[in-house]
Amino acid sequence: MIEAPEPKLTPIMVRYTDNLKEQIAEISNQFEDDVRIKLAGEQLKIFPANSDIHRAITKYLTDGKIEFYVITPKNQRPLKKPC
C-alpha cells in the first residue's frame, strides 16, 4: 500500500529582540536536535523536525509571550477564482 507523503512543515518566524542570543540558546537547549535555526532578514526562522515539535515550539513561544508567526501552507490557503 502506498502511503501519502507527510505534508511539509512551514517554518516558525520569530522577530528579533534585544536578547537574541539568549533566545537561540534557550530554543536550542530545549529542543536540541529537533530544530534548525536560521537568521533571515529581521527574523529568526525555526525549522522543526516534525509536527509534534512544531506544536511544542509554538506553545513554548506563546507561553513565553515571544512574538512569532507561522505562514499558512499553500495547500491550506483558499483558492483564487480567476476573473
PDB file of N, CA and C in Angstrom:
ATOM      1  N   MET A   1       0.841  -1.166   0.000  1.00  0.00           N
ATOM      2  CA  MET A   1       0.000   0.000   0.000  1.00  0.00           C
ATOM      3  C   MET A   1       0.896   1.243   0.000  1.00  0.00           C
ATOM      4  N   ILE A   2       0.507   2.224  -0.780  1.00  0.00           N
ATOM      5  CA  ILE A   2       1.265   3.472  -0.879  1.00  0.00           C
ATOM      6  C   ILE A   2       0.726   4.458   0.150  1.00  0.00           C
ATOM      7  N   GLU A   3       1.638   5.011   0.930  1.00  0.00           N
ATOM      8  CA  GLU A   3       1.243   5.994   1.938  1.00  0.00           C
ATOM      9  C   GLU A   3       1.398   7.402   1.381  1.00  0.00           C
ATOM     10  N   ALA A   4       0.519   8.284   1.807  1.00  0.00           N
ATOM     11  CA  ALA A   4       0.610   9.685   1.386  1.00  0.00           C
ATOM     12  C   ALA A   4       1.831  10.315   2.043  1.00  0.00           C
ATOM     13  N   PRO A   5       2.540  11.169   1.305  1.00  0.00           N
ATOM     14  CA  PRO A   5       3.709  11.818   1.912  1.00  0.00           C
ATOM     15  C   PRO A   5       3.282  12.766   3.028  1.00  0.00           C
ATOM     16  N   GLU A   6       4.141  12.881   4.015  1.00  0.00           N
ATOM     17  CA  GLU A   6       3.862  13.783   5.130  1.00  0.00           C
ATOM     18  C   GLU A   6       3.939  15.221   4.632  1.00  0.00           C
ATOM     19  N   PRO A   7       2.956  16.062   4.980  1.00  0.00           N
ATOM     20  CA  PRO A   7       2.992  17.449   4.490  1.00  0.00           C
ATOM     21  C   PRO A   7       4.221  18.191   5.004  1.00  0.00           C
ATOM     22  N   LYS A   8       4.742  19.065   4.167  1.00  0.00           N
ATOM     23  CA  LYS A   8       5.931  19.834   4.525  1.00  0.00           C
ATOM     24  C   LYS A   8       5.562  20.882   5.581  1.00  0.00           C
ATOM     25  N   LEU A   9       6.342  20.956   6.615  1.00  0.00           N
ATOM     26  CA  LEU A   9       6.076  21.908   7.695  1.00  0.00           C
ATOM     27  C   LEU A   9       6.605  23.288   7.330  1.00  0.00           C
ATOM     28  N   THR A  10       5.863  24.303   7.701  1.00  0.00           N
ATOM     29  CA  THR A  10       6.311  25.669   7.454  1.00  0.00           C
ATOM     30  C   THR A  10       7.163  26.130   8.631  1.00  0.00           C
ATOM     31  N   PRO A  11       8.126  26.999   8.369  1.00  0.00           N
ATOM     32  CA  PRO A  11       8.974  27.469   9.467  1.00  0.00           C
ATOM     33  C   PRO A  11       8.212  28.407  10.403  1.00  0.00           C
ATOM     34  N   ILE A  12       8.693  28.512  11.610  1.00  0.00           N
ATOM     35  CA  ILE A  12       8.150  29.446  12.596  1.00  0.00           C
ATOM     36  C   ILE A  12       9.045  30.673  12.548  1.00  0.00           C
ATOM     37  N   MET A  13       8.444  31.834  12.330  1.00  0.00           N
ATOM     38  CA  MET A  13       9.194  33.077  12.202  1.00  0.00           C
ATOM     39  C   MET A  13       9.113  33.846  13.522  1.00  0.00           C
ATOM     40  N   VAL A  14      10.265  34.168  14.091  1.00  0.00           N
ATOM     41  CA  VAL A  14      10.339  34.892  15.364  1.00  0.00           C
ATOM     42  C   VAL A  14      11.044  36.215  15.117  1.00  0.00           C
ATOM     43  N   ARG A  15      10.467  37.288  15.620  1.00  0.00           N
ATOM     44  CA  ARG A  15      11.082  38.613  15.457  1.00  0.00           C
ATOM     45  C   ARG A  15      12.300  38.743  16.369  1.00  0.00           C
ATOM     46  N   TYR A  16      13.289  39.496  15.879  1.00  0.00           N
ATOM     47  CA  TYR A  16      14.490  39.749  16.682  1.00  0.00           C
ATOM     48  C   TYR A  16      14.127  40.552  17.920  1.00  0.00           C
ATOM     49  N   THR A  17      14.816  40.264  19.001  1.00  0.00           N
ATOM     50  CA  THR A  17      14.691  41.058  20.224  1.00  0.00           C
ATOM     51  C   THR A  17      16.099  41.410  20.686  1.00  0.00           C
ATOM     52  N   ASP A  18      16.179  42.150  21.766  1.00  0.00           N
ATOM     53  CA  ASP A  18      17.484  42.550  22.296  1.00  0.00           C
ATOM     54  C   ASP A  18      18.293  41.351  22.793  1.00  0.00           C
ATOM     55  N   ASN A  19      17.602  40.324  23.265  1.00  0.00           N
ATOM     56  CA  ASN A  19      18.296  39.147  23.803  1.00  0.00           C
ATOM     57  C   ASN A  19      18.237  37.981  22.806  1.00  0.00           C
ATOM     58  N   LEU A  20      18.625  38.233  21.576  1.00  0.00           N
ATOM     59  CA  LEU A  20      18.558  37.239  20.504  1.00  0.00           C
ATOM     60  C   LEU A  20      19.390  36.002  20.814  1.00  0.00           C
ATOM     61  N   LYS A  21      20.610  36.193  21.283  1.00  0.00           N
ATOM     62  CA  LYS A  21      21.488  35.050  21.572  1.00  0.00           C
ATOM     63  C   LYS A  21      20.894  34.159  22.659  1.00  0.00           C
ATOM     64  N   GLU A  22      20.271  34.779  23.646  1.00  0.00           N
ATOM     65  CA  GLU A  22      19.643  34.008  24.722  1.00  0.00           C
ATOM     66  C   GLU A  22      18.470  33.193  24.192  1.00  0.00           C
ATOM     67  N   GLN A  23      17.665  33.809  23.296  1.00  0.00           N
ATOM     68  CA  GLN A  23      16.524  33.099  22.708  1.00  0.00           C
ATOM     69  C   GLN A  23      16.988  31.883  21.917  1.00  0.00           C
ATOM     70  N   ILE A  24      18.011  32.068  21.083  1.00  0.00           N
ATOM     71  CA  ILE A  24      18.535  30.966  20.277  1.00  0.00           C
ATOM     72  C   ILE A  24      19.051  29.851  21.185  1.00  0.00           C
ATOM     73  N   ALA A  25      19.778  30.223  22.232  1.00  0.00           N
ATOM     74  CA  ALA A  25      20.320  29.228  23.164  1.00  0.00           C
ATOM     75  C   ALA A  25      19.198  28.469  23.877  1.00  0.00           C
ATOM     76  N   GLU A  26      18.161  29.186  24.315  1.00  0.00           N
ATOM     77  CA  GLU A  26      17.042  28.549  25.008  1.00  0.00           C
ATOM     78  C   GLU A  26      16.336  27.544  24.113  1.00  0.00           C
ATOM     79  N   ILE A  27      16.019  27.973  22.882  1.00  0.00           N
ATOM     80  CA  ILE A  27      15.310  27.096  21.949  1.00  0.00           C
ATOM     81  C   ILE A  27      16.181  25.899  21.588  1.00  0.00           C
ATOM     82  N   SER A  28      17.452  26.140  21.346  1.00  0.00           N
ATOM     83  CA  SER A  28      18.372  25.048  21.002  1.00  0.00           C
ATOM     84  C   SER A  28      18.504  24.045  22.148  1.00  0.00           C
ATOM     85  N   ASN A  29      18.611  24.534  23.374  1.00  0.00           N
ATOM     86  CA  ASN A  29      18.742  23.639  24.531  1.00  0.00           C
ATOM     87  C   ASN A  29      17.464  22.860  24.800  1.00  0.00           C
ATOM     88  N   GLN A  30      16.329  23.527  24.643  1.00  0.00           N
ATOM     89  CA  GLN A  30      15.048  22.890  24.939  1.00  0.00           C
ATOM     90  C   GLN A  30      14.706  21.799  23.923  1.00  0.00           C
ATOM     91  N   PHE A  31      14.969  22.064  22.636  1.00  0.00           N
ATOM     92  CA  PHE A  31      14.548  21.134  21.590  1.00  0.00           C
ATOM     93  C   PHE A  31      15.713  20.415  20.911  1.00  0.00           C
ATOM     94  N   GLU A  32      16.937  20.690  21.315  1.00  0.00           N
ATOM     95  CA  GLU A  32      18.171  20.031  20.883  1.00  0.00           C
ATOM     96  C   GLU A  32      18.249  19.764  19.385  1.00  0.00           C
ATOM     97  N   ASP A  33      18.271  18.481  18.985  1.00  0.00           N
ATOM     98  CA  ASP A  33      18.484  18.128  17.576  1.00  0.00           C
ATOM     99  C   ASP A  33      17.209  18.172  16.740  1.00  0.00           C
ATOM    100  N   ASP A  34      16.088  18.538  17.343  1.00  0.00           N
ATOM    101  CA  ASP A  34      14.812  18.519  16.628  1.00  0.00           C
ATOM    102  C   ASP A  34      14.524  19.795  15.853  1.00  0.00           C
ATOM    103  N   VAL A  35      15.406  20.780  15.912  1.00  0.00           N
ATOM    104  CA  VAL A  35      15.178  22.039  15.196  1.00  0.00           C
ATOM    105  C   VAL A  35      16.439  22.501  14.475  1.00  0.00           C
ATOM    106  N   ARG A  36      16.203  23.275  13.409  1.00  0.00           N
ATOM    107  CA  ARG A  36      17.279  24.006  12.741  1.00  0.00           C
ATOM    108  C   ARG A  36      16.887  25.471  12.825  1.00  0.00           C
ATOM    109  N   ILE A  37      17.834  26.335  13.114  1.00  0.00           N
ATOM    110  CA  ILE A  37      17.560  27.762  13.259  1.00  0.00           C
ATOM    111  C   ILE A  37      18.414  28.531  12.270  1.00  0.00           C
ATOM    112  N   LYS A  38      17.766  29.461  11.533  1.00  0.00           N
ATOM    113  CA  LYS A  38      18.478  30.297  10.569  1.00  0.00           C
ATOM    114  C   LYS A  38      18.117  31.754  10.811  1.00  0.00           C
ATOM    115  N   LEU A  39      19.059  32.636  10.575  1.00  0.00           N
ATOM    116  CA  LEU A  39      18.792  34.064  10.626  1.00  0.00           C
ATOM    117  C   LEU A  39      18.383  34.496   9.223  1.00  0.00           C
ATOM    118  N   ALA A  40      17.252  35.197   9.118  1.00  0.00           N
ATOM    119  CA  ALA A  40      16.752  35.618   7.814  1.00  0.00           C
ATOM    120  C   ALA A  40      16.202  37.036   7.925  1.00  0.00           C
ATOM    121  N   GLY A  41      16.932  37.990   7.372  1.00  0.00           N
ATOM    122  CA  GLY A  41      16.465  39.373   7.429  1.00  0.00           C
ATOM    123  C   GLY A  41      16.332  39.830   8.866  1.00  0.00           C
ATOM    124  N   GLU A  42      15.125  40.248   9.224  1.00  0.00           N
ATOM    125  CA  GLU A  42      14.875  40.711  10.590  1.00  0.00           C
ATOM    126  C   GLU A  42      14.126  39.676  11.410  1.00  0.00           C
ATOM    127  N   GLN A  43      14.195  38.417  10.973  1.00  0.00           N
ATOM    128  CA  GLN A  43      13.527  37.348  11.696  1.00  0.00           C
ATOM    129  C   GLN A  43      14.446  36.156  11.884  1.00  0.00           C
ATOM    130  N   LEU A  44      14.032  35.332  12.798  1.00  0.00           N
ATOM    131  CA  LEU A  44      14.700  34.075  13.080  1.00  0.00           C
ATOM    132  C   LEU A  44      13.776  32.989  12.546  1.00  0.00           C
ATOM    133  N   LYS A  45      14.268  32.113  11.662  1.00  0.00           N
ATOM    134  CA  LYS A  45      13.452  31.032  11.121  1.00  0.00           C
ATOM    135  C   LYS A  45      13.767  29.763  11.892  1.00  0.00           C
ATOM    136  N   ILE A  46      12.726  29.139  12.427  1.00  0.00           N
ATOM    137  CA  ILE A  46      12.886  27.891  13.161  1.00  0.00           C
ATOM    138  C   ILE A  46      12.226  26.789  12.342  1.00  0.00           C
ATOM    139  N   PHE A  47      13.014  25.784  11.949  1.00  0.00           N
ATOM    140  CA  PHE A  47      12.522  24.663  11.163  1.00  0.00           C
ATOM    141  C   PHE A  47      12.415  23.434  12.070  1.00  0.00           C
ATOM    142  N   PRO A  48      11.193  23.056  12.484  1.00  0.00           N
ATOM    143  CA  PRO A  48      11.030  21.885  13.347  1.00  0.00           C
ATOM    144  C   PRO A  48      11.157  20.583  12.552  1.00  0.00           C
ATOM    145  N   ALA A  49      11.539  19.510  13.234  1.00  0.00           N
ATOM    146  CA  ALA A  49      11.722  18.212  12.584  1.00  0.00           C
ATOM    147  C   ALA A  49      10.393  17.530  12.256  1.00  0.00           C
ATOM    148  N   ASN A  50       9.380  17.721  13.105  1.00  0.00           N
ATOM    149  CA  ASN A  50       8.074  17.103  12.848  1.00  0.00           C
ATOM    150  C   ASN A  50       6.961  17.960  13.448  1.00  0.00           C
ATOM    151  N   SER A  51       5.721  17.538  13.228  1.00  0.00           N
ATOM    152  CA  SER A  51       4.583  18.352  13.659  1.00  0.00           C
ATOM    153  C   SER A  51       4.458  18.435  15.183  1.00  0.00           C
ATOM    154  N   ASP A  52       4.867  17.393  15.893  1.00  0.00           N
ATOM    155  CA  ASP A  52       4.809  17.441  17.361  1.00  0.00           C
ATOM    156  C   ASP A  52       5.765  18.500  17.912  1.00  0.00           C
ATOM    157  N   ILE A  53       6.954  18.558  17.347  1.00  0.00           N
ATOM    158  CA  ILE A  53       7.932  19.570  17.760  1.00  0.00           C
ATOM    159  C   ILE A  53       7.421  20.958  17.379  1.00  0.00           C
ATOM    160  N   HIS A  54       6.777  21.077  16.217  1.00  0.00           N
ATOM    161  CA  HIS A  54       6.207  22.355  15.762  1.00  0.00           C
ATOM    162  C   HIS A  54       5.212  22.873  16.800  1.00  0.00           C
ATOM    163  N   ARG A  55       4.314  21.995  17.252  1.00  0.00           N
ATOM    164  CA  ARG A  55       3.325  22.379  18.261  1.00  0.00           C
ATOM    165  C   ARG A  55       3.994  22.767  19.579  1.00  0.00           C
ATOM    166  N   ALA A  56       4.999  22.007  19.967  1.00  0.00           N
ATOM    167  CA  ALA A  56       5.699  22.283  21.230  1.00  0.00           C
ATOM    168  C   ALA A  56       6.408  23.639  21.181  1.00  0.00           C
ATOM    169  N   ILE A  57       7.015  23.957  20.043  1.00  0.00           N
ATOM    170  CA  ILE A  57       7.719  25.240  19.911  1.00  0.00           C
ATOM    171  C   ILE A  57       6.727  26.394  19.939  1.00  0.00           C
ATOM    172  N   THR A  58       5.609  26.272  19.208  1.00  0.00           N
ATOM    173  CA  THR A  58       4.622  27.361  19.214  1.00  0.00           C
ATOM    174  C   THR A  58       4.028  27.549  20.612  1.00  0.00           C
ATOM    175  N   LYS A  59       3.808  26.454  21.341  1.00  0.00           N
ATOM    176  CA  LYS A  59       3.309  26.570  22.720  1.00  0.00           C
ATOM    177  C   LYS A  59       4.352  27.253  23.604  1.00  0.00           C
ATOM    178  N   TYR A  60       5.613  26.869  23.447  1.00  0.00           N
ATOM    179  CA  TYR A  60       6.705  27.470  24.217  1.00  0.00           C
ATOM    180  C   TYR A  60       6.782  28.975  23.948  1.00  0.00           C
ATOM    181  N   LEU A  61       6.683  29.374  22.674  1.00  0.00           N
ATOM    182  CA  LEU A  61       6.759  30.792  22.318  1.00  0.00           C
ATOM    183  C   LEU A  61       5.543  31.554  22.830  1.00  0.00           C
ATOM    184  N   THR A  62       4.359  30.935  22.759  1.00  0.00           N
ATOM    185  CA  THR A  62       3.143  31.576  23.254  1.00  0.00           C
ATOM    186  C   THR A  62       3.213  31.765  24.769  1.00  0.00           C
ATOM    187  N   ASP A  63       3.632  30.730  25.476  1.00  0.00           N
ATOM    188  CA  ASP A  63       3.746  30.815  26.941  1.00  0.00           C
ATOM    189  C   ASP A  63       4.786  31.851  27.359  1.00  0.00           C
ATOM    190  N   GLY A  64       5.854  31.980  26.584  1.00  0.00           N
ATOM    191  CA  GLY A  64       6.908  32.946  26.885  1.00  0.00           C
ATOM    192  C   GLY A  64       6.606  34.339  26.374  1.00  0.00           C
ATOM    193  N   LYS A  65       5.427  34.515  25.747  1.00  0.00           N
ATOM    194  CA  LYS A  65       4.984  35.798  25.182  1.00  0.00           C
ATOM    195  C   LYS A  65       6.023  36.369  24.217  1.00  0.00           C
ATOM    196  N   ILE A  66       6.570  35.482  23.388  1.00  0.00           N
ATOM    197  CA  ILE A  66       7.526  35.881  22.358  1.00  0.00           C
ATOM    198  C   ILE A  66       6.757  36.044  21.054  1.00  0.00           C
ATOM    199  N   GLU A  67       6.979  37.154  20.369  1.00  0.00           N
ATOM    200  CA  GLU A  67       6.241  37.467  19.153  1.00  0.00           C
ATOM    201  C   GLU A  67       6.718  36.576  18.002  1.00  0.00           C
ATOM    202  N   PHE A  68       5.765  35.847  17.381  1.00  0.00           N
ATOM    203  CA  PHE A  68       6.103  34.959  16.270  1.00  0.00           C
ATOM    204  C   PHE A  68       4.900  34.820  15.348  1.00  0.00           C
ATOM    205  N   TYR A  69       5.132  34.263  14.165  1.00  0.00           N
ATOM    206  CA  TYR A  69       4.035  33.916  13.269  1.00  0.00           C
ATOM    207  C   TYR A  69       4.435  32.718  12.427  1.00  0.00           C
ATOM    208  N   VAL A  70       3.415  32.053  11.876  1.00  0.00           N
ATOM    209  CA  VAL A  70       3.624  30.885  11.021  1.00  0.00           C
ATOM    210  C   VAL A  70       2.888  31.149   9.718  1.00  0.00           C
ATOM    211  N   ILE A  71       3.561  30.937   8.594  1.00  0.00           N
ATOM    212  CA  ILE A  71       2.949  31.135   7.285  1.00  0.00           C
ATOM    213  C   ILE A  71       2.045  29.943   6.992  1.00  0.00           C
ATOM    214  N   THR A  72       0.826  30.209   6.507  1.00  0.00           N
ATOM    215  CA  THR A  72      -0.110  29.147   6.167  1.00  0.00           C
ATOM    216  C   THR A  72       0.400  28.379   4.951  1.00  0.00           C
ATOM    217  N   PRO A  73       0.438  27.047   5.013  1.00  0.00           N
ATOM    218  CA  PRO A  73       0.904  26.268   3.865  1.00  0.00           C
ATOM    219  C   PRO A  73       0.016  26.484   2.636  1.00  0.00           C
ATOM    220  N   LYS A  74       0.591  26.350   1.447  1.00  0.00           N
ATOM    221  CA  LYS A  74      -0.147  26.590   0.208  1.00  0.00           C
ATOM    222  C   LYS A  74      -1.368  25.693   0.079  1.00  0.00           C
ATOM    223  N   ASN A  75      -1.263  24.447   0.531  1.00  0.00           N
ATOM    224  CA  ASN A  75      -2.399  23.536   0.381  1.00  0.00           C
ATOM    225  C   ASN A  75      -3.556  23.872   1.322  1.00  0.00           C
ATOM    226  N   GLN A  76      -3.363  24.781   2.263  1.00  0.00           N
ATOM    227  CA  GLN A  76      -4.430  25.186   3.179  1.00  0.00           C
ATOM    228  C   GLN A  76      -4.957  26.588   2.893  1.00  0.00           C
ATOM    229  N   ARG A  77      -4.376  27.273   1.915  1.00  0.00           N
ATOM    230  CA  ARG A  77      -4.841  28.611   1.555  1.00  0.00           C
ATOM    231  C   ARG A  77      -6.061  28.501   0.644  1.00  0.00           C
ATOM    232  N   PRO A  78      -6.957  29.484   0.684  1.00  0.00           N
ATOM    233  CA  PRO A  78      -8.121  29.438  -0.208  1.00  0.00           C
ATOM    234  C   PRO A  78      -7.693  29.619  -1.666  1.00  0.00           C
ATOM    235  N   LEU A  79      -8.410  28.959  -2.553  1.00  0.00           N
ATOM    236  CA  LEU A  79      -8.124  29.084  -3.978  1.00  0.00           C
ATOM    237  C   LEU A  79      -8.643  30.411  -4.503  1.00  0.00           C
ATOM    238  N   LYS A  80      -7.893  31.015  -5.419  1.00  0.00           N
ATOM    239  CA  LYS A  80      -8.326  32.259  -6.037  1.00  0.00           C
ATOM    240  C   LYS A  80      -9.082  31.925  -7.310  1.00  0.00           C
ATOM    241  N   LYS A  81     -10.230  32.519  -7.465  1.00  0.00           N
ATOM    242  CA  LYS A  81     -11.050  32.278  -8.643  1.00  0.00           C
ATOM    243  C   LYS A  81     -10.633  33.259  -9.734  1.00  0.00           C
ATOM    244  N   PRO A  82     -10.251  32.758 -10.918  1.00  0.00           N
ATOM    245  CA  PRO A  82      -9.858  33.685 -11.993  1.00  0.00           C
ATOM    246  C   PRO A  82     -11.065  34.468 -12.496  1.00  0.00           C
ATOM    247  N   CYS A  83     -10.830  35.679 -12.891  1.00  0.00           N
ATOM    248  CA  CYS A  83     -11.919  36.538 -13.379  1.00  0.00           C
ATOM    249  C   CYS A  83     -12.235  36.273 -14.824  1.00  0.00           C
TER     250      CYS A  83
END
